[in-house]
N, C-alpha and C. Protein backbone atom coordinates (compact mmCIF):
# COMPACT_ATOMS: atom_id res chain seq x y z
N MET A 1 -17.54 -69.46 17.94
CA MET A 1 -18.65 -68.53 18.01
C MET A 1 -18.58 -67.58 16.82
N ALA A 2 -19.68 -67.43 16.14
CA ALA A 2 -19.73 -66.58 14.95
C ALA A 2 -19.68 -65.11 15.32
N MET A 3 -19.05 -64.34 14.48
CA MET A 3 -18.98 -62.89 14.67
C MET A 3 -20.35 -62.29 14.46
N THR A 4 -20.60 -61.19 15.12
CA THR A 4 -21.84 -60.45 14.88
C THR A 4 -21.66 -59.57 13.66
N THR A 5 -22.77 -59.16 13.04
CA THR A 5 -22.67 -58.31 11.86
C THR A 5 -22.05 -56.97 12.24
N PRO A 6 -21.30 -56.40 11.32
CA PRO A 6 -20.64 -55.12 11.60
C PRO A 6 -21.64 -54.00 11.83
N ILE A 7 -21.26 -53.08 12.69
CA ILE A 7 -22.09 -51.90 12.91
C ILE A 7 -21.24 -50.65 12.66
N TRP A 8 -21.91 -49.59 12.28
CA TRP A 8 -21.23 -48.33 11.98
C TRP A 8 -20.78 -47.67 13.27
N ARG A 9 -19.52 -47.29 13.30
CA ARG A 9 -18.98 -46.59 14.47
C ARG A 9 -18.31 -45.29 14.05
N SER A 10 -18.79 -44.69 12.99
CA SER A 10 -18.32 -43.41 12.45
C SER A 10 -16.88 -43.44 11.91
N ASP A 11 -16.33 -44.60 11.73
CA ASP A 11 -14.98 -44.73 11.19
C ASP A 11 -15.03 -45.65 9.97
N PRO A 12 -14.97 -45.08 8.75
CA PRO A 12 -15.09 -45.90 7.54
C PRO A 12 -14.04 -47.01 7.45
N ALA A 13 -12.81 -46.73 7.86
CA ALA A 13 -11.76 -47.76 7.78
C ALA A 13 -12.08 -48.92 8.72
N GLN A 14 -12.52 -48.60 9.94
CA GLN A 14 -12.84 -49.66 10.90
C GLN A 14 -14.05 -50.46 10.43
N PHE A 15 -15.06 -49.76 9.93
CA PHE A 15 -16.24 -50.48 9.43
C PHE A 15 -15.86 -51.41 8.29
N THR A 16 -15.04 -50.94 7.36
CA THR A 16 -14.61 -51.78 6.24
C THR A 16 -13.86 -53.00 6.75
N ASN A 17 -12.96 -52.81 7.71
CA ASN A 17 -12.23 -53.94 8.30
C ASN A 17 -13.19 -54.92 8.95
N ASP A 18 -14.15 -54.41 9.72
CA ASP A 18 -15.13 -55.27 10.38
C ASP A 18 -15.98 -56.02 9.36
N LEU A 19 -16.41 -55.30 8.31
CA LEU A 19 -17.23 -55.91 7.27
C LEU A 19 -16.47 -57.05 6.59
N PHE A 20 -15.21 -56.80 6.25
CA PHE A 20 -14.43 -57.82 5.55
C PHE A 20 -14.11 -59.01 6.46
N ALA A 21 -13.87 -58.76 7.73
CA ALA A 21 -13.64 -59.87 8.67
C ALA A 21 -14.89 -60.73 8.78
N TRP A 22 -16.04 -60.08 8.86
CA TRP A 22 -17.31 -60.80 8.95
C TRP A 22 -17.58 -61.59 7.67
N ILE A 23 -17.38 -60.97 6.51
CA ILE A 23 -17.58 -61.67 5.23
C ILE A 23 -16.63 -62.86 5.13
N SER A 24 -15.39 -62.69 5.54
CA SER A 24 -14.43 -63.78 5.47
C SER A 24 -14.87 -64.96 6.33
N GLU A 25 -15.34 -64.67 7.53
CA GLU A 25 -15.77 -65.76 8.42
C GLU A 25 -17.06 -66.41 7.93
N GLN A 26 -18.08 -65.61 7.69
CA GLN A 26 -19.38 -66.15 7.26
C GLN A 26 -19.29 -66.74 5.85
N GLY A 27 -18.43 -66.18 5.04
CA GLY A 27 -18.32 -66.61 3.65
C GLY A 27 -17.52 -67.87 3.44
N ALA A 28 -17.00 -68.47 4.50
CA ALA A 28 -16.27 -69.73 4.38
C ALA A 28 -17.21 -70.90 4.08
N THR A 29 -18.51 -70.67 4.21
CA THR A 29 -19.50 -71.72 3.94
C THR A 29 -19.72 -71.86 2.44
N ARG A 30 -20.20 -73.02 2.05
CA ARG A 30 -20.46 -73.28 0.63
C ARG A 30 -21.86 -72.83 0.25
N TYR A 31 -21.91 -72.12 -0.88
CA TYR A 31 -23.17 -71.68 -1.45
C TYR A 31 -23.50 -72.52 -2.67
N ASP A 32 -22.48 -73.02 -3.30
CA ASP A 32 -22.61 -73.71 -4.57
C ASP A 32 -21.78 -74.99 -4.51
N GLU A 33 -21.91 -75.80 -5.54
CA GLU A 33 -21.18 -77.07 -5.58
C GLU A 33 -19.67 -76.88 -5.61
N SER A 34 -19.21 -75.76 -6.14
CA SER A 34 -17.78 -75.63 -6.40
C SER A 34 -17.06 -74.52 -5.66
N VAL A 35 -17.78 -73.56 -5.07
CA VAL A 35 -17.12 -72.43 -4.43
C VAL A 35 -17.77 -72.08 -3.08
N THR A 36 -16.98 -71.44 -2.24
CA THR A 36 -17.53 -70.89 -1.01
C THR A 36 -18.22 -69.57 -1.34
N GLN A 37 -18.95 -69.05 -0.39
CA GLN A 37 -19.62 -67.77 -0.62
C GLN A 37 -18.61 -66.64 -0.81
N LEU A 38 -17.50 -66.71 -0.07
CA LEU A 38 -16.45 -65.70 -0.24
C LEU A 38 -15.83 -65.80 -1.64
N GLU A 39 -15.50 -67.01 -2.07
CA GLU A 39 -14.93 -67.18 -3.41
C GLU A 39 -15.89 -66.66 -4.48
N HIS A 40 -17.17 -66.93 -4.30
CA HIS A 40 -18.19 -66.47 -5.24
C HIS A 40 -18.22 -64.94 -5.30
N ALA A 41 -18.17 -64.30 -4.14
CA ALA A 41 -18.17 -62.84 -4.09
C ALA A 41 -16.93 -62.26 -4.77
N LEU A 42 -15.77 -62.83 -4.48
CA LEU A 42 -14.52 -62.33 -5.06
C LEU A 42 -14.47 -62.54 -6.56
N GLN A 43 -14.97 -63.67 -7.03
CA GLN A 43 -15.00 -63.91 -8.48
C GLN A 43 -15.96 -62.94 -9.17
N SER A 44 -17.10 -62.68 -8.54
CA SER A 44 -18.06 -61.73 -9.12
C SER A 44 -17.43 -60.35 -9.25
N ALA A 45 -16.78 -59.89 -8.19
CA ALA A 45 -16.14 -58.57 -8.22
C ALA A 45 -15.03 -58.53 -9.27
N ALA A 46 -14.23 -59.59 -9.36
CA ALA A 46 -13.14 -59.63 -10.33
C ALA A 46 -13.68 -59.54 -11.76
N LEU A 47 -14.82 -60.17 -12.01
CA LEU A 47 -15.43 -60.08 -13.34
C LEU A 47 -15.86 -58.65 -13.65
N ALA A 48 -16.43 -57.97 -12.66
CA ALA A 48 -16.82 -56.56 -12.86
C ALA A 48 -15.60 -55.70 -13.13
N VAL A 49 -14.51 -55.94 -12.41
CA VAL A 49 -13.28 -55.19 -12.63
C VAL A 49 -12.74 -55.46 -14.04
N SER A 50 -12.77 -56.73 -14.45
CA SER A 50 -12.23 -57.09 -15.77
C SER A 50 -13.00 -56.41 -16.90
N GLU A 51 -14.25 -56.05 -16.65
CA GLU A 51 -15.05 -55.35 -17.65
C GLU A 51 -15.03 -53.83 -17.44
N ARG A 52 -14.14 -53.39 -16.55
CA ARG A 52 -13.94 -51.96 -16.28
C ARG A 52 -15.24 -51.24 -15.88
N ARG A 53 -16.01 -51.90 -15.03
CA ARG A 53 -17.26 -51.32 -14.55
C ARG A 53 -16.97 -50.26 -13.49
N ALA A 54 -17.94 -49.42 -13.22
CA ALA A 54 -17.82 -48.37 -12.21
C ALA A 54 -17.60 -49.01 -10.83
N ASP A 55 -16.97 -48.25 -9.94
CA ASP A 55 -16.70 -48.75 -8.59
C ASP A 55 -17.97 -49.23 -7.89
N SER A 56 -19.08 -48.52 -8.10
CA SER A 56 -20.33 -48.92 -7.45
C SER A 56 -20.78 -50.29 -7.93
N GLU A 57 -20.56 -50.59 -9.19
CA GLU A 57 -20.95 -51.91 -9.72
C GLU A 57 -20.01 -53.00 -9.23
N VAL A 58 -18.74 -52.68 -9.09
CA VAL A 58 -17.79 -53.65 -8.52
C VAL A 58 -18.21 -53.97 -7.08
N ALA A 59 -18.57 -52.93 -6.32
CA ALA A 59 -19.01 -53.14 -4.94
C ALA A 59 -20.28 -53.98 -4.89
N ALA A 60 -21.22 -53.69 -5.79
CA ALA A 60 -22.46 -54.47 -5.84
C ALA A 60 -22.18 -55.93 -6.17
N ALA A 61 -21.25 -56.16 -7.09
CA ALA A 61 -20.88 -57.54 -7.43
C ALA A 61 -20.26 -58.24 -6.22
N LEU A 62 -19.41 -57.54 -5.50
CA LEU A 62 -18.76 -58.11 -4.32
C LEU A 62 -19.78 -58.44 -3.23
N LEU A 63 -20.75 -57.57 -3.04
CA LEU A 63 -21.67 -57.67 -1.90
C LEU A 63 -23.05 -58.25 -2.25
N HIS A 64 -23.25 -58.69 -3.47
CA HIS A 64 -24.61 -59.04 -3.92
C HIS A 64 -25.28 -60.16 -3.12
N ASP A 65 -24.52 -61.05 -2.54
CA ASP A 65 -25.11 -62.17 -1.79
C ASP A 65 -24.96 -62.03 -0.28
N VAL A 66 -24.71 -60.83 0.21
CA VAL A 66 -24.53 -60.64 1.65
C VAL A 66 -25.78 -61.06 2.43
N GLY A 67 -26.94 -61.03 1.78
CA GLY A 67 -28.16 -61.49 2.43
C GLY A 67 -28.09 -62.95 2.84
N HIS A 68 -27.43 -63.78 2.03
CA HIS A 68 -27.23 -65.18 2.43
C HIS A 68 -26.44 -65.26 3.74
N LEU A 69 -25.43 -64.40 3.85
CA LEU A 69 -24.60 -64.41 5.06
C LEU A 69 -25.39 -63.92 6.27
N LEU A 70 -26.18 -62.89 6.07
CA LEU A 70 -26.98 -62.34 7.17
C LEU A 70 -27.96 -63.37 7.73
N MET A 71 -28.47 -64.23 6.86
CA MET A 71 -29.46 -65.23 7.27
C MET A 71 -28.85 -66.60 7.49
N ASP A 72 -27.52 -66.69 7.42
CA ASP A 72 -26.83 -67.97 7.61
C ASP A 72 -27.35 -69.03 6.65
N GLU A 73 -27.57 -68.61 5.41
CA GLU A 73 -28.03 -69.51 4.36
C GLU A 73 -26.83 -70.10 3.63
N HIS A 74 -26.69 -71.40 3.64
CA HIS A 74 -25.60 -72.05 2.93
C HIS A 74 -25.91 -73.53 2.73
N GLN A 75 -25.07 -74.17 1.93
CA GLN A 75 -25.33 -75.52 1.49
C GLN A 75 -25.32 -76.55 2.63
N GLU A 76 -24.64 -76.27 3.74
CA GLU A 76 -24.57 -77.24 4.83
C GLU A 76 -25.88 -77.33 5.62
N ARG A 77 -26.78 -76.40 5.41
CA ARG A 77 -28.07 -76.40 6.12
C ARG A 77 -29.07 -77.27 5.36
N ASN A 78 -29.79 -78.09 6.08
CA ASN A 78 -30.77 -78.98 5.44
C ASN A 78 -31.86 -78.20 4.72
N ASP A 79 -32.20 -77.02 5.22
CA ASP A 79 -33.29 -76.25 4.61
C ASP A 79 -32.80 -75.26 3.55
N PHE A 80 -31.53 -75.33 3.16
CA PHE A 80 -30.98 -74.40 2.17
C PHE A 80 -31.75 -74.52 0.86
N LEU A 81 -32.24 -73.42 0.37
CA LEU A 81 -33.03 -73.30 -0.85
C LEU A 81 -34.39 -74.00 -0.74
N GLY A 82 -34.78 -74.38 0.46
CA GLY A 82 -36.09 -74.99 0.66
C GLY A 82 -37.20 -74.00 0.43
N GLU A 83 -36.95 -72.75 0.75
CA GLU A 83 -37.90 -71.69 0.45
C GLU A 83 -37.12 -70.43 0.12
N ASP A 84 -37.76 -69.51 -0.54
CA ASP A 84 -37.11 -68.26 -0.92
C ASP A 84 -37.18 -67.29 0.25
N LEU A 85 -36.04 -67.03 0.86
CA LEU A 85 -35.96 -66.11 2.00
C LEU A 85 -35.67 -64.68 1.56
N LYS A 86 -35.66 -64.44 0.26
CA LYS A 86 -35.47 -63.09 -0.29
C LYS A 86 -34.13 -62.47 0.13
N HIS A 87 -33.07 -63.26 -0.03
CA HIS A 87 -31.74 -62.79 0.38
C HIS A 87 -31.36 -61.48 -0.28
N GLU A 88 -31.83 -61.26 -1.51
CA GLU A 88 -31.48 -60.03 -2.22
C GLU A 88 -32.09 -58.81 -1.55
N ILE A 89 -33.29 -58.95 -1.01
CA ILE A 89 -33.95 -57.84 -0.32
C ILE A 89 -33.35 -57.64 1.06
N VAL A 90 -33.12 -58.74 1.78
CA VAL A 90 -32.50 -58.66 3.11
C VAL A 90 -31.14 -57.99 3.01
N GLY A 91 -30.33 -58.42 2.04
CA GLY A 91 -29.00 -57.85 1.87
C GLY A 91 -29.04 -56.38 1.47
N ALA A 92 -29.88 -56.05 0.49
CA ALA A 92 -29.98 -54.65 0.03
C ALA A 92 -30.48 -53.75 1.14
N ASN A 93 -31.46 -54.19 1.90
CA ASN A 93 -31.98 -53.38 3.00
C ASN A 93 -30.90 -53.12 4.06
N TRP A 94 -30.16 -54.15 4.41
CA TRP A 94 -29.10 -53.98 5.42
C TRP A 94 -28.00 -53.06 4.88
N LEU A 95 -27.59 -53.30 3.67
CA LEU A 95 -26.51 -52.49 3.08
C LEU A 95 -26.92 -51.04 2.86
N SER A 96 -28.22 -50.77 2.73
CA SER A 96 -28.67 -49.39 2.48
C SER A 96 -28.38 -48.46 3.65
N SER A 97 -28.06 -49.02 4.81
CA SER A 97 -27.64 -48.19 5.94
C SER A 97 -26.23 -47.63 5.74
N PHE A 98 -25.49 -48.22 4.83
CA PHE A 98 -24.07 -47.87 4.68
C PHE A 98 -23.69 -47.39 3.27
N PHE A 99 -24.46 -47.81 2.27
CA PHE A 99 -24.08 -47.56 0.87
C PHE A 99 -25.22 -46.89 0.11
N PRO A 100 -24.87 -46.19 -0.98
CA PRO A 100 -25.90 -45.52 -1.80
C PRO A 100 -26.70 -46.52 -2.64
N GLU A 101 -27.78 -46.01 -3.19
CA GLU A 101 -28.68 -46.84 -4.00
C GLU A 101 -28.00 -47.40 -5.25
N SER A 102 -26.97 -46.72 -5.74
CA SER A 102 -26.26 -47.22 -6.92
C SER A 102 -25.64 -48.60 -6.66
N ILE A 103 -25.43 -48.93 -5.40
CA ILE A 103 -24.93 -50.24 -5.01
C ILE A 103 -26.07 -51.16 -4.59
N THR A 104 -26.98 -50.65 -3.79
CA THR A 104 -28.02 -51.52 -3.23
C THR A 104 -29.12 -51.90 -4.22
N GLN A 105 -29.42 -51.03 -5.18
CA GLN A 105 -30.50 -51.35 -6.12
C GLN A 105 -30.15 -52.54 -7.02
N PRO A 106 -28.96 -52.61 -7.61
CA PRO A 106 -28.63 -53.81 -8.39
C PRO A 106 -28.62 -55.09 -7.53
N ILE A 107 -28.24 -54.95 -6.27
CA ILE A 107 -28.29 -56.11 -5.37
C ILE A 107 -29.74 -56.54 -5.16
N ARG A 108 -30.60 -55.57 -4.92
CA ARG A 108 -32.03 -55.84 -4.71
C ARG A 108 -32.65 -56.53 -5.94
N LEU A 109 -32.15 -56.20 -7.12
CA LEU A 109 -32.73 -56.70 -8.37
C LEU A 109 -32.00 -57.89 -8.98
N HIS A 110 -30.94 -58.41 -8.35
CA HIS A 110 -30.18 -59.46 -9.04
C HIS A 110 -30.93 -60.79 -9.14
N VAL A 111 -31.86 -61.07 -8.22
CA VAL A 111 -32.69 -62.28 -8.36
C VAL A 111 -33.76 -62.07 -9.43
N PRO A 112 -34.49 -60.95 -9.40
CA PRO A 112 -35.40 -60.71 -10.52
C PRO A 112 -34.68 -60.71 -11.88
N ALA A 113 -33.42 -60.30 -11.90
CA ALA A 113 -32.65 -60.31 -13.15
C ALA A 113 -32.47 -61.73 -13.67
N LYS A 114 -32.32 -62.70 -12.78
CA LYS A 114 -32.23 -64.10 -13.21
C LYS A 114 -33.55 -64.54 -13.83
N ARG A 115 -34.64 -64.20 -13.18
CA ARG A 115 -35.97 -64.53 -13.71
C ARG A 115 -36.19 -63.85 -15.08
N TYR A 116 -35.72 -62.61 -15.19
CA TYR A 116 -35.82 -61.83 -16.42
C TYR A 116 -35.04 -62.51 -17.55
N LEU A 117 -33.80 -62.86 -17.28
CA LEU A 117 -32.97 -63.48 -18.31
C LEU A 117 -33.53 -64.84 -18.73
N CYS A 118 -34.07 -65.59 -17.77
CA CYS A 118 -34.67 -66.89 -18.12
C CYS A 118 -35.88 -66.71 -19.03
N SER A 119 -36.58 -65.61 -18.90
CA SER A 119 -37.76 -65.38 -19.73
C SER A 119 -37.39 -64.91 -21.14
N LEU A 120 -36.23 -64.28 -21.28
CA LEU A 120 -35.82 -63.74 -22.59
C LEU A 120 -34.95 -64.70 -23.39
N ASP A 121 -34.24 -65.56 -22.70
CA ASP A 121 -33.23 -66.40 -23.36
C ASP A 121 -33.36 -67.82 -22.84
N LYS A 122 -33.92 -68.70 -23.64
CA LYS A 122 -34.15 -70.09 -23.21
C LYS A 122 -32.83 -70.82 -22.93
N GLU A 123 -31.76 -70.44 -23.61
CA GLU A 123 -30.46 -71.08 -23.37
C GLU A 123 -29.84 -70.63 -22.05
N TYR A 124 -30.25 -69.46 -21.57
CA TYR A 124 -29.71 -68.96 -20.31
C TYR A 124 -29.98 -69.94 -19.17
N TRP A 125 -31.19 -70.46 -19.10
CA TRP A 125 -31.55 -71.40 -18.03
C TRP A 125 -30.59 -72.58 -18.00
N SER A 126 -30.26 -73.12 -19.16
CA SER A 126 -29.40 -74.31 -19.21
C SER A 126 -27.98 -74.00 -18.74
N SER A 127 -27.60 -72.73 -18.74
CA SER A 127 -26.25 -72.36 -18.29
C SER A 127 -26.17 -72.19 -16.76
N LEU A 128 -27.31 -72.18 -16.09
CA LEU A 128 -27.32 -71.97 -14.64
C LEU A 128 -26.77 -73.19 -13.89
N SER A 129 -26.18 -72.93 -12.72
CA SER A 129 -25.74 -74.01 -11.85
C SER A 129 -26.97 -74.72 -11.29
N ASN A 130 -26.77 -75.91 -10.75
CA ASN A 130 -27.88 -76.65 -10.16
C ASN A 130 -28.54 -75.87 -9.03
N ALA A 131 -27.72 -75.20 -8.21
CA ALA A 131 -28.27 -74.41 -7.10
C ALA A 131 -29.12 -73.26 -7.63
N SER A 132 -28.68 -72.61 -8.72
CA SER A 132 -29.44 -71.50 -9.29
C SER A 132 -30.74 -71.98 -9.92
N LYS A 133 -30.71 -73.16 -10.55
CA LYS A 133 -31.93 -73.72 -11.12
C LYS A 133 -32.93 -74.05 -10.01
N LYS A 134 -32.42 -74.62 -8.95
CA LYS A 134 -33.30 -74.98 -7.83
C LYS A 134 -33.91 -73.72 -7.19
N SER A 135 -33.08 -72.70 -6.97
CA SER A 135 -33.59 -71.48 -6.34
C SER A 135 -34.55 -70.73 -7.26
N LEU A 136 -34.36 -70.83 -8.57
CA LEU A 136 -35.25 -70.17 -9.52
C LEU A 136 -36.69 -70.63 -9.31
N GLU A 137 -36.88 -71.91 -9.07
CA GLU A 137 -38.22 -72.45 -8.83
C GLU A 137 -38.87 -71.74 -7.64
N ARG A 138 -38.09 -71.54 -6.58
CA ARG A 138 -38.61 -70.91 -5.36
C ARG A 138 -38.83 -69.41 -5.55
N GLN A 139 -38.11 -68.83 -6.49
CA GLN A 139 -38.16 -67.38 -6.69
C GLN A 139 -39.23 -66.95 -7.70
N GLY A 140 -39.97 -67.89 -8.23
CA GLY A 140 -41.08 -67.54 -9.11
C GLY A 140 -40.92 -67.95 -10.57
N GLY A 141 -39.79 -68.55 -10.92
CA GLY A 141 -39.58 -68.98 -12.30
C GLY A 141 -39.40 -67.81 -13.24
N PRO A 142 -39.34 -68.08 -14.54
CA PRO A 142 -39.19 -66.99 -15.53
C PRO A 142 -40.32 -65.98 -15.40
N MET A 143 -40.01 -64.73 -15.72
CA MET A 143 -41.00 -63.65 -15.63
C MET A 143 -42.06 -63.77 -16.70
N GLU A 144 -43.24 -63.31 -16.36
CA GLU A 144 -44.32 -63.13 -17.32
C GLU A 144 -44.08 -61.79 -18.04
N LYS A 145 -44.76 -61.57 -19.16
CA LYS A 145 -44.57 -60.36 -19.95
C LYS A 145 -44.77 -59.09 -19.13
N SER A 146 -45.80 -59.06 -18.29
CA SER A 146 -46.06 -57.86 -17.48
C SER A 146 -44.93 -57.61 -16.48
N GLU A 147 -44.35 -58.68 -15.96
CA GLU A 147 -43.22 -58.55 -15.03
C GLU A 147 -41.99 -58.02 -15.74
N ILE A 148 -41.78 -58.45 -16.98
CA ILE A 148 -40.65 -57.98 -17.78
C ILE A 148 -40.75 -56.47 -17.97
N ILE A 149 -41.93 -56.01 -18.34
CA ILE A 149 -42.14 -54.57 -18.56
C ILE A 149 -41.88 -53.80 -17.27
N GLU A 150 -42.39 -54.29 -16.17
CA GLU A 150 -42.20 -53.63 -14.88
C GLU A 150 -40.72 -53.62 -14.47
N PHE A 151 -40.04 -54.75 -14.69
CA PHE A 151 -38.62 -54.85 -14.35
C PHE A 151 -37.80 -53.84 -15.14
N GLU A 152 -38.07 -53.71 -16.42
CA GLU A 152 -37.30 -52.80 -17.28
C GLU A 152 -37.54 -51.33 -16.96
N GLN A 153 -38.53 -51.04 -16.16
CA GLN A 153 -38.81 -49.66 -15.76
C GLN A 153 -38.10 -49.28 -14.45
N GLN A 154 -37.47 -50.23 -13.83
CA GLN A 154 -36.83 -49.96 -12.54
C GLN A 154 -35.42 -49.40 -12.74
N THR A 155 -35.10 -48.42 -11.94
CA THR A 155 -33.75 -47.85 -11.94
C THR A 155 -32.75 -48.95 -11.57
N GLY A 156 -31.68 -49.02 -12.33
CA GLY A 156 -30.62 -49.97 -12.01
C GLY A 156 -30.83 -51.37 -12.56
N TYR A 157 -31.86 -51.58 -13.37
CA TYR A 157 -32.10 -52.95 -13.85
C TYR A 157 -30.97 -53.44 -14.75
N GLU A 158 -30.38 -52.55 -15.56
CA GLU A 158 -29.30 -52.98 -16.45
C GLU A 158 -28.06 -53.40 -15.64
N ASP A 159 -27.77 -52.64 -14.56
CA ASP A 159 -26.66 -53.02 -13.68
C ASP A 159 -26.96 -54.37 -13.03
N ALA A 160 -28.21 -54.58 -12.64
CA ALA A 160 -28.61 -55.84 -12.00
C ALA A 160 -28.43 -57.02 -12.96
N VAL A 161 -28.71 -56.81 -14.23
CA VAL A 161 -28.53 -57.88 -15.22
C VAL A 161 -27.04 -58.22 -15.34
N ARG A 162 -26.18 -57.20 -15.34
CA ARG A 162 -24.73 -57.48 -15.39
C ARG A 162 -24.29 -58.20 -14.12
N ILE A 163 -24.76 -57.75 -12.95
CA ILE A 163 -24.41 -58.42 -11.69
C ILE A 163 -24.84 -59.89 -11.76
N ARG A 164 -26.03 -60.11 -12.31
CA ARG A 164 -26.55 -61.48 -12.44
C ARG A 164 -25.63 -62.32 -13.30
N ARG A 165 -25.16 -61.75 -14.40
CA ARG A 165 -24.26 -62.51 -15.28
C ARG A 165 -22.92 -62.78 -14.61
N TYR A 166 -22.42 -61.82 -13.81
CA TYR A 166 -21.20 -62.09 -13.03
C TYR A 166 -21.47 -63.23 -12.05
N ASP A 167 -22.60 -63.15 -11.37
CA ASP A 167 -23.00 -64.17 -10.41
C ASP A 167 -22.95 -65.55 -11.06
N ASP A 168 -23.51 -65.68 -12.24
CA ASP A 168 -23.58 -66.97 -12.92
C ASP A 168 -22.20 -67.49 -13.32
N ARG A 169 -21.27 -66.59 -13.62
CA ARG A 169 -19.93 -67.00 -14.06
C ARG A 169 -18.94 -67.11 -12.92
N ALA A 170 -19.36 -66.78 -11.71
CA ALA A 170 -18.45 -66.72 -10.56
C ALA A 170 -18.55 -67.96 -9.69
N LYS A 171 -18.46 -69.11 -10.32
CA LYS A 171 -18.61 -70.38 -9.61
C LYS A 171 -17.58 -71.39 -10.10
N VAL A 172 -16.34 -70.91 -10.24
CA VAL A 172 -15.27 -71.74 -10.80
C VAL A 172 -14.32 -72.13 -9.68
N ALA A 173 -14.19 -73.41 -9.45
CA ALA A 173 -13.30 -73.90 -8.38
C ALA A 173 -11.86 -73.45 -8.64
N ASP A 174 -11.22 -72.98 -7.59
CA ASP A 174 -9.79 -72.63 -7.60
C ASP A 174 -9.41 -71.51 -8.57
N ARG A 175 -10.36 -70.68 -8.97
CA ARG A 175 -10.03 -69.54 -9.83
C ARG A 175 -9.23 -68.53 -9.00
N GLU A 176 -8.14 -68.06 -9.54
CA GLU A 176 -7.32 -67.07 -8.84
C GLU A 176 -7.85 -65.68 -9.12
N VAL A 177 -8.17 -64.97 -8.05
CA VAL A 177 -8.70 -63.61 -8.14
C VAL A 177 -8.08 -62.79 -7.01
N PRO A 178 -8.17 -61.46 -7.10
CA PRO A 178 -7.66 -60.62 -6.01
C PRO A 178 -8.38 -60.94 -4.69
N SER A 179 -7.66 -60.72 -3.59
CA SER A 179 -8.22 -60.98 -2.26
C SER A 179 -9.18 -59.87 -1.85
N LEU A 180 -9.90 -60.12 -0.79
CA LEU A 180 -10.87 -59.16 -0.27
C LEU A 180 -10.20 -57.83 0.07
N SER A 181 -9.00 -57.89 0.61
CA SER A 181 -8.31 -56.66 1.01
C SER A 181 -8.05 -55.71 -0.17
N GLU A 182 -8.01 -56.26 -1.38
CA GLU A 182 -7.81 -55.42 -2.57
C GLU A 182 -8.96 -54.43 -2.78
N TYR A 183 -10.10 -54.70 -2.15
CA TYR A 183 -11.28 -53.84 -2.33
C TYR A 183 -11.50 -52.88 -1.16
N SER A 184 -10.56 -52.82 -0.23
CA SER A 184 -10.73 -51.98 0.96
C SER A 184 -10.94 -50.52 0.62
N ASP A 185 -10.07 -49.94 -0.20
CA ASP A 185 -10.19 -48.52 -0.54
C ASP A 185 -11.49 -48.27 -1.30
N LEU A 186 -11.81 -49.13 -2.23
CA LEU A 186 -13.03 -48.97 -3.02
C LEU A 186 -14.26 -48.94 -2.12
N ILE A 187 -14.37 -49.91 -1.22
CA ILE A 187 -15.52 -49.97 -0.31
C ILE A 187 -15.54 -48.77 0.63
N ARG A 188 -14.41 -48.45 1.21
CA ARG A 188 -14.34 -47.32 2.15
C ARG A 188 -14.77 -46.02 1.48
N ASN A 189 -14.35 -45.83 0.23
CA ASN A 189 -14.70 -44.59 -0.49
C ASN A 189 -16.17 -44.51 -0.88
N LEU A 190 -16.84 -45.64 -0.94
CA LEU A 190 -18.25 -45.65 -1.33
C LEU A 190 -19.21 -45.58 -0.15
N LEU A 191 -18.69 -45.75 1.05
CA LEU A 191 -19.54 -45.69 2.24
C LEU A 191 -20.15 -44.30 2.40
N ARG A 192 -21.39 -44.29 2.80
CA ARG A 192 -22.01 -43.01 3.13
C ARG A 192 -22.20 -42.96 4.63
N ASN A 193 -22.27 -41.79 5.16
CA ASN A 193 -22.43 -41.65 6.61
C ASN A 193 -23.89 -41.95 6.96
N PRO A 194 -24.14 -43.02 7.70
CA PRO A 194 -25.54 -43.36 8.04
C PRO A 194 -26.20 -42.26 8.83
N ASP A 195 -27.51 -42.12 8.63
CA ASP A 195 -28.28 -41.10 9.35
C ASP A 195 -28.50 -41.51 10.80
């Protein structure tokens, strides 16, 4: 039986433990040809750490695909990537109950960031995994000029572009990275008290 999503119980340490237990269980599913969703999240966060990014960006990299977990979206499902379920919005909306906008906004924009990069750099598309290429079609394809202008006016778009690039590079089978528990203090310190 699958665990239910974590809920806030006024204890940041307990919430972080519950969140990580849930991510570990739900993230055992495959999102890509070569990594599980948990491995993808950990590799993304490790890339942000390696570039000495702010804690909020490391957290966003770690949590950017939580929407897939919330909707039970993974490669074992026949309908996976059959339609765009807006995992970035689902994840950002859910996380906004617990984290500040500095974390949730780049998560909300990481799919538009892929569309943005595809419109600016023709070689970028060829570097995408097969799953990312397939999902790009469902997400609207490369941006039009007016969409590019609108995207660049949004707060956090530059962070979202970096998160997107971590996402693209975080699909390496058997890459050794720090475990989820290494991020406990970072996540706990970034939690805000929900209203």
